[in-house]
Amino acid sequence: PTVVRDAPADLIARSRDKDADDKVFREVFDTFVSTRKSCGEAGELSYAKFAQRLVESRSAVIDKHKCKDVKFEVYVKAGKAALKATPV
């Protein structure tokens, strides 16, 4: 018999359009960095590490909520820049 299964999250993540992801991640990164500066936070932030963290967070949210994508929002929490991952 034919069995239909969900595709593994890591397979879905690898099949994404990397250029589109990079554009979205870059926008989130730029917003996060500017929010950090406006809050007076010090220290440099690496885009590569930030993007990797977004990939990991997105995979975790997709696995947990069985959604198709994740929207990242930058906001200020207790005077510091923070990220919120929302299932889409």
PDB file of N, CA and C in Angstrom:
ATOM      1  N   PRO A   1       0.825  -1.201   0.000  1.00  0.00           N
ATOM      2  CA  PRO A   1       0.000   0.000   0.000  1.00  0.00           C
ATOM      3  C   PRO A   1       0.863   1.256   0.000  1.00  0.00           C
ATOM      4  N   THR A   2       0.316   2.311  -0.506  1.00  0.00           N
ATOM      5  CA  THR A   2       0.998   3.605  -0.539  1.00  0.00           C
ATOM      6  C   THR A   2       0.833   4.303   0.793  1.00  0.00           C
ATOM      7  N   VAL A   3       1.938   4.831   1.305  1.00  0.00           N
ATOM      8  CA  VAL A   3       1.922   5.542   2.573  1.00  0.00           C
ATOM      9  C   VAL A   3       2.434   6.956   2.332  1.00  0.00           C
ATOM     10  N   VAL A   4       1.671   7.953   2.785  1.00  0.00           N
ATOM     11  CA  VAL A   4       2.061   9.357   2.646  1.00  0.00           C
ATOM     12  C   VAL A   4       2.646   9.810   3.979  1.00  0.00           C
ATOM     13  N   ARG A   5       3.836  10.372   3.926  1.00  0.00           N
ATOM     14  CA  ARG A   5       4.507  10.852   5.132  1.00  0.00           C
ATOM     15  C   ARG A   5       4.913  12.294   4.947  1.00  0.00           C
ATOM     16  N   ASP A   6       5.061  12.992   6.058  1.00  0.00           N
ATOM     17  CA  ASP A   6       5.571  14.351   6.014  1.00  0.00           C
ATOM     18  C   ASP A   6       7.055  14.317   5.669  1.00  0.00           C
ATOM     19  N   ALA A   7       7.480  15.300   4.916  1.00  0.00           N
ATOM     20  CA  ALA A   7       8.901  15.402   4.597  1.00  0.00           C
ATOM     21  C   ALA A   7       9.657  15.838   5.848  1.00  0.00           C
ATOM     22  N   PRO A   8      10.840  15.278   6.072  1.00  0.00           N
ATOM     23  CA  PRO A   8      11.634  15.695   7.235  1.00  0.00           C
ATOM     24  C   PRO A   8      11.971  17.184   7.158  1.00  0.00           C
ATOM     25  N   ALA A   9      11.983  17.845   8.297  1.00  0.00           N
ATOM     26  CA  ALA A   9      12.236  19.288   8.352  1.00  0.00           C
ATOM     27  C   ALA A   9      13.591  19.652   7.755  1.00  0.00           C
ATOM     28  N   ASP A  10      14.610  18.808   7.969  1.00  0.00           N
ATOM     29  CA  ASP A  10      15.928  19.128   7.422  1.00  0.00           C
ATOM     30  C   ASP A  10      15.926  19.067   5.896  1.00  0.00           C
ATOM     31  N   LEU A  11      15.133  18.187   5.321  1.00  0.00           N
ATOM     32  CA  LEU A  11      15.015  18.123   3.870  1.00  0.00           C
ATOM     33  C   LEU A  11      14.320  19.374   3.336  1.00  0.00           C
ATOM     34  N   ILE A  12      13.289  19.798   4.011  1.00  0.00           N
ATOM     35  CA  ILE A  12      12.582  21.018   3.608  1.00  0.00           C
ATOM     36  C   ILE A  12      13.520  22.213   3.714  1.00  0.00           C
ATOM     37  N   ALA A  13      14.258  22.286   4.800  1.00  0.00           N
ATOM     38  CA  ALA A  13      15.185  23.404   4.999  1.00  0.00           C
ATOM     39  C   ALA A  13      16.245  23.448   3.898  1.00  0.00           C
ATOM     40  N   ARG A  14      16.753  22.281   3.504  1.00  0.00           N
ATOM     41  CA  ARG A  14      17.779  22.245   2.453  1.00  0.00           C
ATOM     42  C   ARG A  14      17.205  22.575   1.082  1.00  0.00           C
ATOM     43  N   SER A  15      15.908  22.367   0.888  1.00  0.00           N
ATOM     44  CA  SER A  15      15.314  22.595  -0.424  1.00  0.00           C
ATOM     45  C   SER A  15      14.883  24.036  -0.638  1.00  0.00           C
ATOM     46  N   ARG A  16      14.973  24.866   0.384  1.00  0.00           N
ATOM     47  CA  ARG A  16      14.575  26.267   0.266  1.00  0.00           C
ATOM     48  C   ARG A  16      15.472  27.024  -0.705  1.00  0.00           C
ATOM     49  N   ASP A  17      14.941  28.112  -1.205  1.00  0.00           N
ATOM     50  CA  ASP A  17      15.707  28.994  -2.071  1.00  0.00           C
ATOM     51  C   ASP A  17      16.687  29.784  -1.202  1.00  0.00           C
ATOM     52  N   LYS A  18      17.960  29.451  -1.304  1.00  0.00           N
ATOM     53  CA  LYS A  18      18.976  30.054  -0.441  1.00  0.00           C
ATOM     54  C   LYS A  18      19.095  31.561  -0.628  1.00  0.00           C
ATOM     55  N   ASP A  19      18.922  32.062  -1.860  1.00  0.00           N
ATOM     56  CA  ASP A  19      19.005  33.505  -2.095  1.00  0.00           C
ATOM     57  C   ASP A  19      17.863  34.241  -1.402  1.00  0.00           C
ATOM     58  N   ALA A  20      16.669  33.676  -1.454  1.00  0.00           N
ATOM     59  CA  ALA A  20      15.521  34.299  -0.793  1.00  0.00           C
ATOM     60  C   ALA A  20      15.731  34.300   0.722  1.00  0.00           C
ATOM     61  N   ASP A  21      16.222  33.182   1.259  1.00  0.00           N
ATOM     62  CA  ASP A  21      16.511  33.115   2.690  1.00  0.00           C
ATOM     63  C   ASP A  21      17.549  34.154   3.074  1.00  0.00           C
ATOM     64  N   ASP A  22      18.598  34.267   2.289  1.00  0.00           N
ATOM     65  CA  ASP A  22      19.660  35.208   2.596  1.00  0.00           C
ATOM     66  C   ASP A  22      19.130  36.641   2.611  1.00  0.00           C
ATOM     67  N   LYS A  23      18.253  36.958   1.687  1.00  0.00           N
ATOM     68  CA  LYS A  23      17.674  38.314   1.627  1.00  0.00           C
ATOM     69  C   LYS A  23      16.856  38.597   2.884  1.00  0.00           C
ATOM     70  N   VAL A  24      16.009  37.657   3.271  1.00  0.00           N
ATOM     71  CA  VAL A  24      15.183  37.826   4.471  1.00  0.00           C
ATOM     72  C   VAL A  24      16.063  37.875   5.717  1.00  0.00           C
ATOM     73  N   PHE A  25      17.019  36.967   5.814  1.00  0.00           N
ATOM     74  CA  PHE A  25      17.903  36.943   6.976  1.00  0.00           C
ATOM     75  C   PHE A  25      18.720  38.230   7.074  1.00  0.00           C
ATOM     76  N   ARG A  26      19.160  38.748   5.950  1.00  0.00           N
ATOM     77  CA  ARG A  26      19.938  39.993   5.946  1.00  0.00           C
ATOM     78  C   ARG A  26      19.079  41.151   6.450  1.00  0.00           C
ATOM     79  N   GLU A  27      17.805  41.198   6.037  1.00  0.00           N
ATOM     80  CA  GLU A  27      16.897  42.257   6.503  1.00  0.00           C
ATOM     81  C   GLU A  27      16.680  42.156   8.014  1.00  0.00           C
ATOM     82  N   VAL A  28      16.468  40.945   8.509  1.00  0.00           N
ATOM     83  CA  VAL A  28      16.285  40.742   9.946  1.00  0.00           C
ATOM     84  C   VAL A  28      17.559  41.131  10.688  1.00  0.00           C
ATOM     85  N   PHE A  29      18.708  40.731  10.161  1.00  0.00           N
ATOM     86  CA  PHE A  29      19.997  41.055  10.774  1.00  0.00           C
ATOM     87  C   PHE A  29      20.187  42.564  10.845  1.00  0.00           C
ATOM     88  N   ASP A  30      19.962  43.263   9.732  1.00  0.00           N
ATOM     89  CA  ASP A  30      20.136  44.718   9.709  1.00  0.00           C
ATOM     90  C   ASP A  30      19.209  45.405  10.709  1.00  0.00           C
ATOM     91  N   THR A  31      17.970  44.953  10.781  1.00  0.00           N
ATOM     92  CA  THR A  31      17.010  45.512  11.736  1.00  0.00           C
ATOM     93  C   THR A  31      17.457  45.232  13.165  1.00  0.00           C
ATOM     94  N   PHE A  32      17.939  44.012  13.405  1.00  0.00           N
ATOM     95  CA  PHE A  32      18.400  43.634  14.745  1.00  0.00           C
ATOM     96  C   PHE A  32      19.586  44.488  15.170  1.00  0.00           C
ATOM     97  N   VAL A  33      20.548  44.672  14.268  1.00  0.00           N
ATOM     98  CA  VAL A  33      21.740  45.471  14.577  1.00  0.00           C
ATOM     99  C   VAL A  33      21.353  46.922  14.850  1.00  0.00           C
ATOM    100  N   SER A  34      20.476  47.489  14.040  1.00  0.00           N
ATOM    101  CA  SER A  34      20.073  48.885  14.263  1.00  0.00           C
ATOM    102  C   SER A  34      19.280  49.031  15.564  1.00  0.00           C
ATOM    103  N   THR A  35      18.481  48.038  15.903  1.00  0.00           N
ATOM    104  CA  THR A  35      17.733  48.068  17.163  1.00  0.00           C
ATOM    105  C   THR A  35      18.689  47.974  18.348  1.00  0.00           C
ATOM    106  N   ARG A  36      19.705  47.113  18.227  1.00  0.00           N
ATOM    107  CA  ARG A  36      20.722  47.009  19.285  1.00  0.00           C
ATOM    108  C   ARG A  36      21.417  48.354  19.503  1.00  0.00           C
ATOM    109  N   LYS A  37      21.770  49.018  18.407  1.00  0.00           N
ATOM    110  CA  LYS A  37      22.448  50.316  18.514  1.00  0.00           C
ATOM    111  C   LYS A  37      21.543  51.345  19.174  1.00  0.00           C
ATOM    112  N   SER A  38      20.269  51.346  18.786  1.00  0.00           N
ATOM    113  CA  SER A  38      19.340  52.323  19.360  1.00  0.00           C
ATOM    114  C   SER A  38      19.093  52.064  20.847  1.00  0.00           C
ATOM    115  N   CYS A  39      19.287  50.824  21.284  1.00  0.00           N
ATOM    116  CA  CYS A  39      19.139  50.472  22.707  1.00  0.00           C
ATOM    117  C   CYS A  39      20.435  50.661  23.483  1.00  0.00           C
ATOM    118  N   GLY A  40      21.510  51.026  22.786  1.00  0.00           N
ATOM    119  CA  GLY A  40      22.789  51.248  23.434  1.00  0.00           C
ATOM    120  C   GLY A  40      23.564  49.973  23.739  1.00  0.00           C
ATOM    121  N   GLU A  41      23.216  48.880  23.076  1.00  0.00           N
ATOM    122  CA  GLU A  41      23.939  47.628  23.293  1.00  0.00           C
ATOM    123  C   GLU A  41      25.268  47.673  22.541  1.00  0.00           C
ATOM    124  N   ALA A  42      26.298  47.160  23.180  1.00  0.00           N
ATOM    125  CA  ALA A  42      27.633  47.157  22.580  1.00  0.00           C
ATOM    126  C   ALA A  42      27.963  45.771  22.047  1.00  0.00           C
ATOM    127  N   GLY A  43      29.027  45.710  21.267  1.00  0.00           N
ATOM    128  CA  GLY A  43      29.518  44.423  20.766  1.00  0.00           C
ATOM    129  C   GLY A  43      29.149  44.199  19.316  1.00  0.00           C
ATOM    130  N   GLU A  44      30.053  43.526  18.636  1.00  0.00           N
ATOM    131  CA  GLU A  44      29.852  43.203  17.228  1.00  0.00           C
ATOM    132  C   GLU A  44      29.055  41.913  17.102  1.00  0.00           C
ATOM    133  N   LEU A  45      28.363  41.787  15.988  1.00  0.00           N
ATOM    134  CA  LEU A  45      27.545  40.619  15.728  1.00  0.00           C
ATOM    135  C   LEU A  45      27.922  40.070  14.360  1.00  0.00           C
ATOM    136  N   SER A  46      28.179  38.777  14.269  1.00  0.00           N
ATOM    137  CA  SER A  46      28.546  38.136  13.022  1.00  0.00           C
ATOM    138  C   SER A  46      27.292  37.726  12.252  1.00  0.00           C
ATOM    139  N   TYR A  47      27.207  38.134  10.986  1.00  0.00           N
ATOM    140  CA  TYR A  47      26.047  37.758  10.174  1.00  0.00           C
ATOM    141  C   TYR A  47      25.972  36.243  10.000  1.00  0.00           C
ATOM    142  N   ALA A  48      27.098  35.586   9.791  1.00  0.00           N
ATOM    143  CA  ALA A  48      27.100  34.138   9.565  1.00  0.00           C
ATOM    144  C   ALA A  48      26.516  33.388  10.767  1.00  0.00           C
ATOM    145  N   LYS A  49      26.928  33.752  11.966  1.00  0.00           N
ATOM    146  CA  LYS A  49      26.405  33.103  13.169  1.00  0.00           C
ATOM    147  C   LYS A  49      24.924  33.437  13.371  1.00  0.00           C
ATOM    148  N   PHE A  50      24.566  34.679  13.092  1.00  0.00           N
ATOM    149  CA  PHE A  50      23.176  35.119  13.234  1.00  0.00           C
ATOM    150  C   PHE A  50      22.280  34.340  12.274  1.00  0.00           C
ATOM    151  N   ALA A  51      22.702  34.227  11.026  1.00  0.00           N
ATOM    152  CA  ALA A  51      21.916  33.493  10.023  1.00  0.00           C
ATOM    153  C   ALA A  51      21.801  32.016  10.405  1.00  0.00           C
ATOM    154  N   GLN A  52      22.875  31.425  10.898  1.00  0.00           N
ATOM    155  CA  GLN A  52      22.833  30.025  11.325  1.00  0.00           C
ATOM    156  C   GLN A  52      21.834  29.848  12.457  1.00  0.00           C
ATOM    157  N   ARG A  53      21.811  30.794  13.369  1.00  0.00           N
ATOM    158  CA  ARG A  53      20.860  30.748  14.496  1.00  0.00           C
ATOM    159  C   ARG A  53      19.417  30.844  13.980  1.00  0.00           C
ATOM    160  N   LEU A  54      19.191  31.679  12.970  1.00  0.00           N
ATOM    161  CA  LEU A  54      17.849  31.792  12.392  1.00  0.00           C
ATOM    162  C   LEU A  54      17.422  30.477  11.733  1.00  0.00           C
ATOM    163  N   VAL A  55      18.335  29.837  11.034  1.00  0.00           N
ATOM    164  CA  VAL A  55      18.049  28.547  10.401  1.00  0.00           C
ATOM    165  C   VAL A  55      17.660  27.523  11.469  1.00  0.00           C
ATOM    166  N   GLU A  56      18.429  27.461  12.540  1.00  0.00           N
ATOM    167  CA  GLU A  56      18.147  26.513  13.619  1.00  0.00           C
ATOM    168  C   GLU A  56      16.810  26.818  14.289  1.00  0.00           C
ATOM    169  N   SER A  57      16.555  28.098  14.533  1.00  0.00           N
ATOM    170  CA  SER A  57      15.289  28.492  15.166  1.00  0.00           C
ATOM    171  C   SER A  57      14.101  28.168  14.269  1.00  0.00           C
ATOM    172  N   ARG A  58      14.258  28.445  12.984  1.00  0.00           N
ATOM    173  CA  ARG A  58      13.177  28.171  12.050  1.00  0.00           C
ATOM    174  C   ARG A  58      12.875  26.671  12.003  1.00  0.00           C
ATOM    175  N   SER A  59      13.897  25.849  11.943  1.00  0.00           N
ATOM    176  CA  SER A  59      13.697  24.395  11.931  1.00  0.00           C
ATOM    177  C   SER A  59      12.985  23.919  13.186  1.00  0.00           C
ATOM    178  N   ALA A  60      13.377  24.457  14.328  1.00  0.00           N
ATOM    179  CA  ALA A  60      12.747  24.065  15.590  1.00  0.00           C
ATOM    180  C   ALA A  60      11.271  24.464  15.625  1.00  0.00           C
ATOM    181  N   VAL A  61      10.953  25.658  15.155  1.00  0.00           N
ATOM    182  CA  VAL A  61       9.563  26.122  15.152  1.00  0.00           C
ATOM    183  C   VAL A  61       8.729  25.308  14.167  1.00  0.00           C
ATOM    184  N   ILE A  62       9.284  25.020  13.003  1.00  0.00           N
ATOM    185  CA  ILE A  62       8.570  24.211  12.006  1.00  0.00           C
ATOM    186  C   ILE A  62       8.294  22.815  12.557  1.00  0.00           C
ATOM    187  N   ASP A  63       9.271  22.226  13.212  1.00  0.00           N
ATOM    188  CA  ASP A  63       9.085  20.896  13.807  1.00  0.00           C
ATOM    189  C   ASP A  63       8.017  20.926  14.899  1.00  0.00           C
ATOM    190  N   LYS A  64       8.072  21.939  15.747  1.00  0.00           N
ATOM    191  CA  LYS A  64       7.157  22.015  16.883  1.00  0.00           C
ATOM    192  C   LYS A  64       5.716  22.302  16.459  1.00  0.00           C
ATOM    193  N   HIS A  65       5.537  23.239  15.513  1.00  0.00           N
ATOM    194  CA  HIS A  65       4.198  23.691  15.154  1.00  0.00           C
ATOM    195  C   HIS A  65       3.671  23.108  13.842  1.00  0.00           C
ATOM    196  N   LYS A  66       4.502  22.332  13.149  1.00  0.00           N
ATOM    197  CA  LYS A  66       4.107  21.725  11.870  1.00  0.00           C
ATOM    198  C   LYS A  66       3.591  22.787  10.893  1.00  0.00           C
ATOM    199  N   CYS A  67       4.307  23.908  10.837  1.00  0.00           N
ATOM    200  CA  CYS A  67       3.936  25.001   9.943  1.00  0.00           C
ATOM    201  C   CYS A  67       4.814  24.951   8.691  1.00  0.00           C
ATOM    202  N   LYS A  68       4.531  25.828   7.745  1.00  0.00           N
ATOM    203  CA  LYS A  68       5.287  25.842   6.498  1.00  0.00           C
ATOM    204  C   LYS A  68       6.474  26.789   6.533  1.00  0.00           C
ATOM    205  N   ASP A  69       6.367  27.857   7.326  1.00  0.00           N
ATOM    206  CA  ASP A  69       7.445  28.831   7.380  1.00  0.00           C
ATOM    207  C   ASP A  69       7.391  29.553   8.723  1.00  0.00           C
ATOM    208  N   VAL A  70       8.369  30.422   8.935  1.00  0.00           N
ATOM    209  CA  VAL A  70       8.476  31.176  10.169  1.00  0.00           C
ATOM    210  C   VAL A  70       8.772  32.623   9.831  1.00  0.00           C
ATOM    211  N   LYS A  71       8.096  33.525  10.544  1.00  0.00           N
ATOM    212  CA  LYS A  71       8.343  34.956  10.378  1.00  0.00           C
ATOM    213  C   LYS A  71       9.118  35.436  11.592  1.00  0.00           C
ATOM    214  N   PHE A  72      10.219  36.148  11.361  1.00  0.00           N
ATOM    215  CA  PHE A  72      11.031  36.679  12.442  1.00  0.00           C
ATOM    216  C   PHE A  72      10.750  38.169  12.610  1.00  0.00           C
ATOM    217  N   GLU A  73      10.556  38.573  13.863  1.00  0.00           N
ATOM    218  CA  GLU A  73      10.320  39.977  14.176  1.00  0.00           C
ATOM    219  C   GLU A  73      11.332  40.430  15.213  1.00  0.00           C
ATOM    220  N   VAL A  74      11.802  41.650  15.061  1.00  0.00           N
ATOM    221  CA  VAL A  74      12.729  42.252  16.011  1.00  0.00           C
ATOM    222  C   VAL A  74      11.927  43.208  16.886  1.00  0.00           C
ATOM    223  N   TYR A  75      12.143  43.122  18.194  1.00  0.00           N
ATOM    224  CA  TYR A  75      11.460  44.026  19.115  1.00  0.00           C
ATOM    225  C   TYR A  75      12.374  44.319  20.295  1.00  0.00           C
ATOM    226  N   VAL A  76      11.960  45.240  21.143  1.00  0.00           N
ATOM    227  CA  VAL A  76      12.752  45.606  22.311  1.00  0.00           C
ATOM    228  C   VAL A  76      12.110  44.979  23.544  1.00  0.00           C
ATOM    229  N   LYS A  77      12.922  44.253  24.308  1.00  0.00           N
ATOM    230  CA  LYS A  77      12.460  43.599  25.531  1.00  0.00           C
ATOM    231  C   LYS A  77      13.421  43.977  26.658  1.00  0.00           C
ATOM    232  N   ALA A  78      12.901  44.602  27.674  1.00  0.00           N
ATOM    233  CA  ALA A  78      13.708  45.022  28.822  1.00  0.00           C
ATOM    234  C   ALA A  78      14.910  45.865  28.397  1.00  0.00           C
ATOM    235  N   GLY A  79      14.711  46.726  27.412  1.00  0.00           N
ATOM    236  CA  GLY A  79      15.781  47.613  26.961  1.00  0.00           C
ATOM    237  C   GLY A  79      16.808  46.988  26.054  1.00  0.00           C
ATOM    238  N   LYS A  80      16.550  45.756  25.587  1.00  0.00           N
ATOM    239  CA  LYS A  80      17.489  45.078  24.693  1.00  0.00           C
ATOM    240  C   LYS A  80      16.757  44.561  23.463  1.00  0.00           C
ATOM    241  N   ALA A  81      17.492  44.453  22.361  1.00  0.00           N
ATOM    242  CA  ALA A  81      16.926  43.904  21.130  1.00  0.00           C
ATOM    243  C   ALA A  81      16.665  42.415  21.311  1.00  0.00           C
ATOM    244  N   ALA A  82      15.520  41.950  20.792  1.00  0.00           N
ATOM    245  CA  ALA A  82      15.159  40.553  20.899  1.00  0.00           C
ATOM    246  C   ALA A  82      14.495  40.111  19.601  1.00  0.00           C
ATOM    247  N   LEU A  83      14.453  38.805  19.391  1.00  0.00           N
ATOM    248  CA  LEU A  83      13.828  38.218  18.203  1.00  0.00           C
ATOM    249  C   LEU A  83      12.638  37.381  18.601  1.00  0.00           C
ATOM    250  N   LYS A  84      11.604  37.442  17.774  1.00  0.00           N
ATOM    251  CA  LYS A  84      10.437  36.592  17.986  1.00  0.00           C
ATOM    252  C   LYS A  84      10.220  35.801  16.704  1.00  0.00           C
ATOM    253  N   ALA A  85      10.098  34.494  16.837  1.00  0.00           N
ATOM    254  CA  ALA A  85       9.835  33.603  15.698  1.00  0.00           C
ATOM    255  C   ALA A  85       8.367  33.200  15.762  1.00  0.00           C
ATOM    256  N   THR A  86       7.606  33.539  14.726  1.00  0.00           N
ATOM    257  CA  THR A  86       6.180  33.257  14.686  1.00  0.00           C
ATOM    258  C   THR A  86       5.889  32.251  13.569  1.00  0.00           C
ATOM    259  N   PRO A  87       5.182  31.151  13.879  1.00  0.00           N
ATOM    260  CA  PRO A  87       4.831  30.177  12.829  1.00  0.00           C
ATOM    261  C   PRO A  87       3.899  30.814  11.797  1.00  0.00           C
ATOM    262  N   VAL A  88       4.104  30.456  10.541  1.00  0.00           N
ATOM    263  CA  VAL A  88       3.243  30.953   9.449  1.00  0.00           C
ATOM    264  C   VAL A  88       2.583  29.764   8.806  1.00  0.00           C
TER     265      VAL A  88
END
